[in-house]
Protein backbone atom coordinates (compact mmCIF):
# COMPACT_ATOMS: atom_id res chain seq x y z
CA MET A 1 0.00 0.00 0.00
CA LEU A 2 2.77 2.38 0.92
CA LEU A 3 4.56 1.55 -2.32
CA LYS A 4 1.49 2.51 -4.34
CA LEU A 5 1.18 5.82 -2.49
CA ASN A 6 4.83 6.59 -3.19
CA ARG A 7 4.38 5.86 -6.87
CA LEU A 8 1.28 8.03 -7.03
CA ASN A 9 3.10 10.82 -5.25
CA GLN A 10 6.01 10.55 -7.70
CA MET A 11 3.60 10.68 -10.62
CA LEU A 12 1.94 13.76 -9.13
CA VAL A 13 5.27 15.54 -8.70
CA HIS A 14 6.31 14.56 -12.22
CA SER A 15 3.00 15.82 -13.66
CA GLN A 16 3.34 19.13 -11.83
CA ASP A 17 6.86 19.49 -13.16
CA GLU A 18 5.66 18.77 -16.70
CA LEU A 19 2.89 21.35 -16.38
CA SER A 20 5.25 24.04 -15.14
CA THR A 21 7.69 23.29 -17.98
CA LEU A 22 4.88 23.42 -20.52
CA LYS A 23 3.70 26.77 -19.13
CA GLN A 24 7.25 28.11 -19.33
CA PHE A 25 7.59 27.03 -22.97
CA SER A 26 4.20 28.53 -23.78
CA ASP A 27 5.20 31.86 -22.22
CA GLN A 28 8.46 31.87 -24.17
CA LEU A 29 6.63 31.14 -27.40
CA GLN A 30 4.08 33.91 -26.81
CA HIS A 31 6.87 36.36 -26.04
CA ARG A 32 8.67 35.44 -29.26
CA ILE A 33 5.47 35.79 -31.31
CA ARG A 34 4.82 39.26 -29.83
CA GLN A 35 8.42 40.20 -30.53
CA LEU A 36 8.16 39.11 -34.16
CA GLU A 37 4.81 40.82 -34.70
CA SER A 38 6.14 44.09 -33.35
CA SER A 39 9.05 44.00 -35.75
CA ARG A 40 9.44 46.98 -38.07
CA TYR A 41 9.40 44.78 -41.13
CA ILE A 42 6.07 43.20 -40.25
CA ARG A 43 4.48 46.58 -39.54
CA LEU A 44 5.92 48.00 -42.76
CA LYS A 45 4.65 45.01 -44.75
CA LYS A 46 1.14 45.48 -43.34
CA ALA A 47 1.15 49.19 -44.17
CA ILE A 48 2.40 48.59 -47.72
CA GLY A 49 -0.18 45.86 -48.20
CA LYS A 50 -2.97 48.21 -47.17
CA TYR A 51 -1.90 50.88 -49.65
CA LYS A 52 -1.32 48.27 -52.32
CA LYS A 53 -4.89 47.03 -51.88
CA LEU A 54 -6.14 50.60 -52.02
CA PHE A 55 -4.45 51.55 -55.29
CA PHE A 56 -3.89 48.29 -57.19
CA ARG A 57 -7.09 46.40 -56.83
CA LYS A 58 -9.10 44.98 -59.66
CA LYS A 59 -10.96 47.49 -61.80
CA THR A 60 -14.59 47.37 -60.80
CA PRO A 61 -17.43 49.65 -61.81
CA GLY A 62 -17.98 52.50 -59.40
CA HIS A 63 -14.39 52.63 -58.10
CA ARG A 64 -12.68 55.37 -60.00
CA PRO A 65 -9.13 56.55 -59.36
CA ILE A 66 -10.41 59.83 -57.93
CA GLN A 67 -12.44 57.94 -55.33
CA ARG A 68 -9.32 55.97 -54.41
CA LEU A 69 -7.30 59.15 -53.98
CA ILE A 70 -10.02 60.72 -51.84
CA SER A 71 -10.23 57.64 -49.63
CA PHE A 72 -6.43 57.64 -49.30
CA TYR A 73 -6.47 61.32 -48.37
CA VAL A 74 -9.20 60.82 -45.78
CA SER A 75 -7.46 57.83 -44.21
CA SER A 76 -4.14 59.67 -44.04
CA LEU A 77 -5.84 62.66 -42.36
CA VAL A 78 -7.48 60.42 -39.80
CA LYS A 79 -4.11 58.85 -38.98
CA LEU A 80 -2.45 62.25 -38.82
CA GLU A 81 -5.08 63.52 -36.37
CA ALA A 82 -4.74 60.38 -34.27
CA ARG A 83 -1.03 61.06 -33.78
CA PHE A 84 -1.62 64.54 -32.32
């Protein structure tokens, strides 16, 4: 009986150790993901992609170049006001 209790106690300690190690690895991974997402290159790529979608999308009726320029102007003003 005592032998079984010791084994169960060892399994419990081992499981707790595994859980703490898994949590540590998860925290490290989340930190690395946040670090990569905050990289200048990622932010620059997102910004370029947004402007690329704005100006180089497929020609559809009702979306004239003047409308695209106006929407670009409005979005840039909104961002400019948000900075100040």
